[in-house]
Amino acid sequence: MTGFDPPLHLNGFPGLTICSLDDAARFLHEHQHEQHAIHNRAGILRRLQVAITPADEDDAAKAFIGWLEAEGLLLRSAPGQPDKP
C-alpha cells in the first residue's frame, strides 16, 4: 500500500487530504508541535519514513490510521458528507 484509498480527511483540517504515506509523514512532521501530535508521533513518523516493502507500507498505513482514530482526527467520510458508521 503506497496510498490511501479512499483518501483520508482529517477533523480540524479542512481542505487537507492524505493520499499517500508521504502525505501522512508530511502531516506528522508539519504538525509536530500541536497537542494531538505528541502521543506516539515519532514512532508513527519513523514507520512511515522507513517503509520499503509492501508489508512495511501496509503496517505503517494501518499504524497511521490507528493513531488518527485514537486522536479523534480521522473523518469517516469526505467533508460535507454524512459520517459513515
PDB file of N, CA and C in Angstrom:
ATOM      1  N   MET A   1       0.847  -1.185   0.000  1.00  0.00           N
ATOM      2  CA  MET A   1       0.000   0.000   0.000  1.00  0.00           C
ATOM      3  C   MET A   1       0.885   1.238   0.000  1.00  0.00           C
ATOM      4  N   THR A   2       0.846   2.001  -1.057  1.00  0.00           N
ATOM      5  CA  THR A   2       1.597   3.250  -1.080  1.00  0.00           C
ATOM      6  C   THR A   2       0.676   4.443  -0.905  1.00  0.00           C
ATOM      7  N   GLY A   3      -0.606   4.183  -0.884  1.00  0.00           N
ATOM      8  CA  GLY A   3      -1.567   5.262  -0.742  1.00  0.00           C
ATOM      9  C   GLY A   3      -2.788   4.823   0.025  1.00  0.00           C
ATOM     10  N   PHE A   4      -3.645   5.779   0.264  1.00  0.00           N
ATOM     11  CA  PHE A   4      -4.884   5.524   0.988  1.00  0.00           C
ATOM     12  C   PHE A   4      -6.035   5.624   0.002  1.00  0.00           C
ATOM     13  N   ASP A   5      -6.831   4.568  -0.066  1.00  0.00           N
ATOM     14  CA  ASP A   5      -7.971   4.545  -0.969  1.00  0.00           C
ATOM     15  C   ASP A   5      -9.189   4.070  -0.199  1.00  0.00           C
ATOM     16  N   PRO A   6     -10.118   4.953   0.090  1.00  0.00           N
ATOM     17  CA  PRO A   6     -10.178   6.345  -0.340  1.00  0.00           C
ATOM     18  C   PRO A   6      -9.211   7.211   0.457  1.00  0.00           C
ATOM     19  N   PRO A   7      -8.900   8.409  -0.065  1.00  0.00           N
ATOM     20  CA  PRO A   7      -8.015   9.318   0.665  1.00  0.00           C
ATOM     21  C   PRO A   7      -8.595   9.661   2.037  1.00  0.00           C
ATOM     22  N   LEU A   8      -7.714  10.024   2.952  1.00  0.00           N
ATOM     23  CA  LEU A   8      -8.120  10.349   4.318  1.00  0.00           C
ATOM     24  C   LEU A   8      -8.389  11.843   4.464  1.00  0.00           C
ATOM     25  N   HIS A   9      -9.442  12.156   5.209  1.00  0.00           N
ATOM     26  CA  HIS A   9      -9.785  13.540   5.542  1.00  0.00           C
ATOM     27  C   HIS A   9      -9.729  13.653   7.058  1.00  0.00           C
ATOM     28  N   LEU A  10      -9.215  14.785   7.530  1.00  0.00           N
ATOM     29  CA  LEU A  10      -8.963  14.925   8.954  1.00  0.00           C
ATOM     30  C   LEU A  10      -9.845  15.974   9.605  1.00  0.00           C
ATOM     31  N   ASN A  11     -10.318  15.636  10.786  1.00  0.00           N
ATOM     32  CA  ASN A  11     -11.115  16.536  11.601  1.00  0.00           C
ATOM     33  C   ASN A  11     -10.246  17.715  12.020  1.00  0.00           C
ATOM     34  N   GLY A  12     -10.723  18.929  11.751  1.00  0.00           N
ATOM     35  CA  GLY A  12      -9.991  20.126  12.131  1.00  0.00           C
ATOM     36  C   GLY A  12      -9.015  20.622  11.089  1.00  0.00           C
ATOM     37  N   PHE A  13      -8.932  19.935   9.961  1.00  0.00           N
ATOM     38  CA  PHE A  13      -8.017  20.327   8.892  1.00  0.00           C
ATOM     39  C   PHE A  13      -8.775  20.348   7.562  1.00  0.00           C
ATOM     40  N   PRO A  14      -9.701  21.307   7.409  1.00  0.00           N
ATOM     41  CA  PRO A  14     -10.495  21.356   6.175  1.00  0.00           C
ATOM     42  C   PRO A  14      -9.593  21.579   4.966  1.00  0.00           C
ATOM     43  N   GLY A  15      -9.895  20.886   3.918  1.00  0.00           N
ATOM     44  CA  GLY A  15      -9.136  21.013   2.686  1.00  0.00           C
ATOM     45  C   GLY A  15      -7.896  20.139   2.618  1.00  0.00           C
ATOM     46  N   LEU A  16      -7.527  19.511   3.725  1.00  0.00           N
ATOM     47  CA  LEU A  16      -6.356  18.629   3.728  1.00  0.00           C
ATOM     48  C   LEU A  16      -6.798  17.213   3.393  1.00  0.00           C
ATOM     49  N   THR A  17      -6.130  16.617   2.435  1.00  0.00           N
ATOM     50  CA  THR A  17      -6.403  15.240   2.046  1.00  0.00           C
ATOM     51  C   THR A  17      -5.099  14.462   2.106  1.00  0.00           C
ATOM     52  N   ILE A  18      -5.126  13.324   2.791  1.00  0.00           N
ATOM     53  CA  ILE A  18      -3.958  12.446   2.888  1.00  0.00           C
ATOM     54  C   ILE A  18      -4.168  11.315   1.885  1.00  0.00           C
ATOM     55  N   CYS A  19      -3.328  11.303   0.841  1.00  0.00           N
ATOM     56  CA  CYS A  19      -3.471  10.296  -0.218  1.00  0.00           C
ATOM     57  C   CYS A  19      -2.365   9.252  -0.199  1.00  0.00           C
ATOM     58  N   SER A  20      -1.226   9.567   0.435  1.00  0.00           N
ATOM     59  CA  SER A  20      -0.077   8.678   0.364  1.00  0.00           C
ATOM     60  C   SER A  20       0.653   8.630   1.701  1.00  0.00           C
ATOM     61  N   LEU A  21       1.584   7.688   1.815  1.00  0.00           N
ATOM     62  CA  LEU A  21       2.408   7.624   3.017  1.00  0.00           C
ATOM     63  C   LEU A  21       3.260   8.882   3.144  1.00  0.00           C
ATOM     64  N   ASP A  22       3.694   9.432   2.021  1.00  0.00           N
ATOM     65  CA  ASP A  22       4.447  10.686   2.054  1.00  0.00           C
ATOM     66  C   ASP A  22       3.592  11.828   2.607  1.00  0.00           C
ATOM     67  N   ASP A  23       2.324  11.883   2.192  1.00  0.00           N
ATOM     68  CA  ASP A  23       1.403  12.892   2.736  1.00  0.00           C
ATOM     69  C   ASP A  23       1.256  12.723   4.243  1.00  0.00           C
ATOM     70  N   ALA A  24       1.131  11.480   4.693  1.00  0.00           N
ATOM     71  CA  ALA A  24       0.968  11.196   6.119  1.00  0.00           C
ATOM     72  C   ALA A  24       2.208  11.637   6.898  1.00  0.00           C
ATOM     73  N   ALA A  25       3.390  11.306   6.381  1.00  0.00           N
ATOM     74  CA  ALA A  25       4.636  11.704   7.041  1.00  0.00           C
ATOM     75  C   ALA A  25       4.761  13.221   7.069  1.00  0.00           C
ATOM     76  N   ARG A  26       4.409  13.887   5.973  1.00  0.00           N
ATOM     77  CA  ARG A  26       4.468  15.342   5.907  1.00  0.00           C
ATOM     78  C   ARG A  26       3.527  15.963   6.941  1.00  0.00           C
ATOM     79  N   PHE A  27       2.314  15.407   7.065  1.00  0.00           N
ATOM     80  CA  PHE A  27       1.370  15.912   8.056  1.00  0.00           C
ATOM     81  C   PHE A  27       1.956  15.803   9.466  1.00  0.00           C
ATOM     82  N   LEU A  28       2.492  14.647   9.801  1.00  0.00           N
ATOM     83  CA  LEU A  28       3.069  14.462  11.136  1.00  0.00           C
ATOM     84  C   LEU A  28       4.232  15.407  11.379  1.00  0.00           C
ATOM     85  N   HIS A  29       5.070  15.582  10.385  1.00  0.00           N
ATOM     86  CA  HIS A  29       6.229  16.467  10.523  1.00  0.00           C
ATOM     87  C   HIS A  29       5.796  17.931  10.672  1.00  0.00           C
ATOM     88  N   GLU A  30       4.866  18.370   9.835  1.00  0.00           N
ATOM     89  CA  GLU A  30       4.443  19.768   9.844  1.00  0.00           C
ATOM     90  C   GLU A  30       3.633  20.140  11.081  1.00  0.00           C
ATOM     91  N   HIS A  31       2.987  19.169  11.702  1.00  0.00           N
ATOM     92  CA  HIS A  31       2.123  19.450  12.851  1.00  0.00           C
ATOM     93  C   HIS A  31       2.685  18.850  14.132  1.00  0.00           C
ATOM     94  N   GLN A  32       3.995  18.698  14.200  1.00  0.00           N
ATOM     95  CA  GLN A  32       4.616  18.032  15.335  1.00  0.00           C
ATOM     96  C   GLN A  32       4.490  18.799  16.646  1.00  0.00           C
ATOM     97  N   HIS A  33       4.252  20.092  16.598  1.00  0.00           N
ATOM     98  CA  HIS A  33       4.191  20.880  17.827  1.00  0.00           C
ATOM     99  C   HIS A  33       2.767  21.063  18.340  1.00  0.00           C
ATOM    100  N   GLU A  34       1.797  20.536  17.626  1.00  0.00           N
ATOM    101  CA  GLU A  34       0.411  20.636  18.071  1.00  0.00           C
ATOM    102  C   GLU A  34       0.111  19.539  19.077  1.00  0.00           C
ATOM    103  N   GLN A  35      -0.819  19.809  19.957  1.00  0.00           N
ATOM    104  CA  GLN A  35      -1.103  18.899  21.073  1.00  0.00           C
ATOM    105  C   GLN A  35      -1.407  17.479  20.613  1.00  0.00           C
ATOM    106  N   HIS A  36      -2.212  17.322  19.574  1.00  0.00           N
ATOM    107  CA  HIS A  36      -2.590  15.971  19.146  1.00  0.00           C
ATOM    108  C   HIS A  36      -1.402  15.190  18.584  1.00  0.00           C
ATOM    109  N   ALA A  37      -0.348  15.884  18.211  1.00  0.00           N
ATOM    110  CA  ALA A  37       0.773  15.207  17.565  1.00  0.00           C
ATOM    111  C   ALA A  37       1.794  14.652  18.551  1.00  0.00           C
ATOM    112  N   ILE A  38       1.558  14.790  19.826  1.00  0.00           N
ATOM    113  CA  ILE A  38       2.547  14.373  20.808  1.00  0.00           C
ATOM    114  C   ILE A  38       2.558  12.861  21.000  1.00  0.00           C
ATOM    115  N   HIS A  39       1.408  12.266  21.195  1.00  0.00           N
ATOM    116  CA  HIS A  39       1.313  10.852  21.542  1.00  0.00           C
ATOM    117  C   HIS A  39       1.793   9.952  20.400  1.00  0.00           C
ATOM    118  N   ASN A  40       2.932   9.326  20.561  1.00  0.00           N
ATOM    119  CA  ASN A  40       3.477   8.329  19.639  1.00  0.00           C
ATOM    120  C   ASN A  40       3.753   8.848  18.232  1.00  0.00           C
ATOM    121  N   ARG A  41       3.800  10.156  18.064  1.00  0.00           N
ATOM    122  CA  ARG A  41       4.024  10.745  16.758  1.00  0.00           C
ATOM    123  C   ARG A  41       5.349  10.294  16.159  1.00  0.00           C
ATOM    124  N   ALA A  42       6.415  10.309  16.955  1.00  0.00           N
ATOM    125  CA  ALA A  42       7.739   9.966  16.439  1.00  0.00           C
ATOM    126  C   ALA A  42       7.787   8.525  15.926  1.00  0.00           C
ATOM    127  N   GLY A  43       7.180   7.609  16.642  1.00  0.00           N
ATOM    128  CA  GLY A  43       7.170   6.210  16.218  1.00  0.00           C
ATOM    129  C   GLY A  43       6.403   6.008  14.923  1.00  0.00           C
ATOM    130  N   ILE A  44       5.268   6.664  14.800  1.00  0.00           N
ATOM    131  CA  ILE A  44       4.469   6.547  13.578  1.00  0.00           C
ATOM    132  C   ILE A  44       5.219   7.181  12.412  1.00  0.00           C
ATOM    133  N   LEU A  45       5.799   8.349  12.646  1.00  0.00           N
ATOM    134  CA  LEU A  45       6.554   9.025  11.592  1.00  0.00           C
ATOM    135  C   LEU A  45       7.710   8.150  11.099  1.00  0.00           C
ATOM    136  N   ARG A  46       8.431   7.553  12.012  1.00  0.00           N
ATOM    137  CA  ARG A  46       9.549   6.687  11.643  1.00  0.00           C
ATOM    138  C   ARG A  46       9.066   5.504  10.797  1.00  0.00           C
ATOM    139  N   ARG A  47       7.952   4.900  11.177  1.00  0.00           N
ATOM    140  CA  ARG A  47       7.418   3.765  10.407  1.00  0.00           C
ATOM    141  C   ARG A  47       7.051   4.185   8.989  1.00  0.00           C
ATOM    142  N   LEU A  48       6.466   5.374   8.854  1.00  0.00           N
ATOM    143  CA  LEU A  48       6.096   5.865   7.532  1.00  0.00           C
ATOM    144  C   LEU A  48       7.337   6.127   6.675  1.00  0.00           C
ATOM    145  N   GLN A  49       8.372   6.657   7.284  1.00  0.00           N
ATOM    146  CA  GLN A  49       9.569   7.033   6.537  1.00  0.00           C
ATOM    147  C   GLN A  49      10.422   5.841   6.117  1.00  0.00           C
ATOM    148  N   VAL A  50      10.427   4.773   6.887  1.00  0.00           N
ATOM    149  CA  VAL A  50      11.307   3.644   6.576  1.00  0.00           C
ATOM    150  C   VAL A  50      10.600   2.487   5.873  1.00  0.00           C
ATOM    151  N   ALA A  51       9.310   2.621   5.623  1.00  0.00           N
ATOM    152  CA  ALA A  51       8.569   1.546   4.960  1.00  0.00           C
ATOM    153  C   ALA A  51       9.114   1.346   3.543  1.00  0.00           C
ATOM    154  N   ILE A  52       9.545   0.117   3.268  1.00  0.00           N
ATOM    155  CA  ILE A  52      10.119  -0.206   1.959  1.00  0.00           C
ATOM    156  C   ILE A  52       9.284  -1.265   1.245  1.00  0.00           C
ATOM    157  N   THR A  53       9.017  -2.348   1.938  1.00  0.00           N
ATOM    158  CA  THR A  53       8.268  -3.441   1.320  1.00  0.00           C
ATOM    159  C   THR A  53       6.768  -3.147   1.386  1.00  0.00           C
ATOM    160  N   PRO A  54       5.992  -3.815   0.555  1.00  0.00           N
ATOM    161  CA  PRO A  54       4.540  -3.641   0.637  1.00  0.00           C
ATOM    162  C   PRO A  54       3.992  -3.943   2.045  1.00  0.00           C
ATOM    163  N   ALA A  55       4.560  -4.935   2.711  1.00  0.00           N
ATOM    164  CA  ALA A  55       4.111  -5.260   4.073  1.00  0.00           C
ATOM    165  C   ALA A  55       4.440  -4.121   5.037  1.00  0.00           C
ATOM    166  N   ASP A  56       5.644  -3.538   4.912  1.00  0.00           N
ATOM    167  CA  ASP A  56       6.020  -2.391   5.730  1.00  0.00           C
ATOM    168  C   ASP A  56       5.075  -1.217   5.496  1.00  0.00           C
ATOM    169  N   GLU A  57       4.776  -0.963   4.228  1.00  0.00           N
ATOM    170  CA  GLU A  57       3.888   0.137   3.873  1.00  0.00           C
ATOM    171  C   GLU A  57       2.491  -0.071   4.438  1.00  0.00           C
ATOM    172  N   ASP A  58       2.002  -1.302   4.351  1.00  0.00           N
ATOM    173  CA  ASP A  58       0.677  -1.617   4.883  1.00  0.00           C
ATOM    174  C   ASP A  58       0.651  -1.430   6.397  1.00  0.00           C
ATOM    175  N   ASP A  59       1.672  -1.922   7.078  1.00  0.00           N
ATOM    176  CA  ASP A  59       1.753  -1.764   8.537  1.00  0.00           C
ATOM    177  C   ASP A  59       1.830  -0.292   8.931  1.00  0.00           C
ATOM    178  N   ALA A  60       2.628   0.488   8.207  1.00  0.00           N
ATOM    179  CA  ALA A  60       2.763   1.912   8.506  1.00  0.00           C
ATOM    180  C   ALA A  60       1.439   2.648   8.288  1.00  0.00           C
ATOM    181  N   ALA A  61       0.758   2.317   7.205  1.00  0.00           N
ATOM    182  CA  ALA A  61      -0.538   2.941   6.919  1.00  0.00           C
ATOM    183  C   ALA A  61      -1.549   2.610   8.012  1.00  0.00           C
ATOM    184  N   LYS A  62      -1.595   1.349   8.426  1.00  0.00           N
ATOM    185  CA  LYS A  62      -2.517   0.945   9.492  1.00  0.00           C
ATOM    186  C   LYS A  62      -2.177   1.638  10.801  1.00  0.00           C
ATOM    187  N   ALA A  63      -0.888   1.786  11.098  1.00  0.00           N
ATOM    188  CA  ALA A  63      -0.474   2.469  12.323  1.00  0.00           C
ATOM    189  C   ALA A  63      -0.893   3.938  12.278  1.00  0.00           C
ATOM    190  N   PHE A  64      -0.733   4.584  11.131  1.00  0.00           N
ATOM    191  CA  PHE A  64      -1.128   5.982  10.991  1.00  0.00           C
ATOM    192  C   PHE A  64      -2.635   6.140  11.166  1.00  0.00           C
ATOM    193  N   ILE A  65      -3.403   5.274  10.524  1.00  0.00           N
ATOM    194  CA  ILE A  65      -4.864   5.335  10.657  1.00  0.00           C
ATOM    195  C   ILE A  65      -5.274   5.089  12.107  1.00  0.00           C
ATOM    196  N   GLY A  66      -4.649   4.123  12.755  1.00  0.00           N
ATOM    197  CA  GLY A  66      -4.946   3.859  14.163  1.00  0.00           C
ATOM    198  C   GLY A  66      -4.638   5.059  15.037  1.00  0.00           C
ATOM    199  N   TRP A  67      -3.532   5.737  14.759  1.00  0.00           N
ATOM    200  CA  TRP A  67      -3.156   6.938  15.504  1.00  0.00           C
ATOM    201  C   TRP A  67      -4.184   8.040  15.286  1.00  0.00           C
ATOM    202  N   LEU A  68      -4.604   8.242  14.023  1.00  0.00           N
ATOM    203  CA  LEU A  68      -5.624   9.248  13.730  1.00  0.00           C
ATOM    204  C   LEU A  68      -6.909   8.958  14.492  1.00  0.00           C
ATOM    205  N   GLU A  69      -7.319   7.698  14.497  1.00  0.00           N
ATOM    206  CA  GLU A  69      -8.543   7.311  15.212  1.00  0.00           C
ATOM    207  C   GLU A  69      -8.406   7.573  16.709  1.00  0.00           C
ATOM    208  N   ALA A  70      -7.274   7.194  17.287  1.00  0.00           N
ATOM    209  CA  ALA A  70      -7.051   7.382  18.724  1.00  0.00           C
ATOM    210  C   ALA A  70      -7.043   8.860  19.099  1.00  0.00           C
ATOM    211  N   GLU A  71      -6.566   9.710  18.188  1.00  0.00           N
ATOM    212  CA  GLU A  71      -6.500  11.144  18.449  1.00  0.00           C
ATOM    213  C   GLU A  71      -7.795  11.863  18.063  1.00  0.00           C
ATOM    214  N   GLY A  72      -8.761  11.123  17.500  1.00  0.00           N
ATOM    215  CA  GLY A  72     -10.029  11.740  17.095  1.00  0.00           C
ATOM    216  C   GLY A  72      -9.903  12.613  15.862  1.00  0.00           C
ATOM    217  N   LEU A  73      -8.913  12.354  15.038  1.00  0.00           N
ATOM    218  CA  LEU A  73      -8.662  13.188  13.861  1.00  0.00           C
ATOM    219  C   LEU A  73      -9.240  12.637  12.564  1.00  0.00           C
ATOM    220  N   LEU A  74      -9.555  11.363  12.520  1.00  0.00           N
ATOM    221  CA  LEU A  74      -9.992  10.746  11.269  1.00  0.00           C
ATOM    222  C   LEU A  74     -11.474  10.985  11.040  1.00  0.00           C
ATOM    223  N   LEU A  75     -11.798  11.609   9.905  1.00  0.00           N
ATOM    224  CA  LEU A  75     -13.188  11.742   9.495  1.00  0.00           C
ATOM    225  C   LEU A  75     -13.569  10.474   8.744  1.00  0.00           C
ATOM    226  N   ARG A  76     -14.735   9.989   8.994  1.00  0.00           N
ATOM    227  CA  ARG A  76     -15.178   8.741   8.365  1.00  0.00           C
ATOM    228  C   ARG A  76     -15.689   8.946   6.948  1.00  0.00           C
ATOM    229  N   SER A  77     -15.898  10.176   6.544  1.00  0.00           N
ATOM    230  CA  SER A  77     -16.339  10.452   5.180  1.00  0.00           C
ATOM    231  C   SER A  77     -15.738  11.785   4.755  1.00  0.00           C
ATOM    232  N   ALA A  78     -15.859  12.077   3.497  1.00  0.00           N
ATOM    233  CA  ALA A  78     -15.317  13.327   2.983  1.00  0.00           C
ATOM    234  C   ALA A  78     -16.046  14.507   3.612  1.00  0.00           C
ATOM    235  N   PRO A  79     -15.364  15.640   3.769  1.00  0.00           N
ATOM    236  CA  PRO A  79     -16.020  16.825   4.315  1.00  0.00           C
ATOM    237  C   PRO A  79     -17.276  17.162   3.549  1.00  0.00           C
ATOM    238  N   GLY A  80     -18.316  17.521   4.272  1.00  0.00           N
ATOM    239  CA  GLY A  80     -19.591  17.870   3.637  1.00  0.00           C
ATOM    240  C   GLY A  80     -20.480  16.672   3.417  1.00  0.00           C
ATOM    241  N   GLN A  81     -19.994  15.459   3.669  1.00  0.00           N
ATOM    242  CA  GLN A  81     -20.779  14.250   3.509  1.00  0.00           C
ATOM    243  C   GLN A  81     -21.145  13.728   4.900  1.00  0.00           C
ATOM    244  N   PRO A  82     -22.266  13.028   5.039  1.00  0.00           N
ATOM    245  CA  PRO A  82     -22.604  12.465   6.361  1.00  0.00           C
ATOM    246  C   PRO A  82     -21.567  11.438   6.783  1.00  0.00           C
ATOM    247  N   ASP A  83     -21.268  11.403   8.090  1.00  0.00           N
ATOM    248  CA  ASP A  83     -20.298  10.436   8.609  1.00  0.00           C
ATOM    249  C   ASP A  83     -20.789   9.019   8.436  1.00  0.00           C
ATOM    250  N   LYS A  84     -19.861   8.138   8.076  1.00  0.00           N
ATOM    251  CA  LYS A  84     -20.164   6.713   7.966  1.00  0.00           C
ATOM    252  C   LYS A  84     -19.954   6.086   9.331  1.00  0.00           C
ATOM    253  N   PRO A  85     -20.713   5.048   9.653  1.00  0.00           N
ATOM    254  CA  PRO A  85     -20.531   4.405  10.963  1.00  0.00           C
ATOM    255  C   PRO A  85     -19.203   3.721  11.103  1.00  0.00           C
TER     256      PRO A  85
END
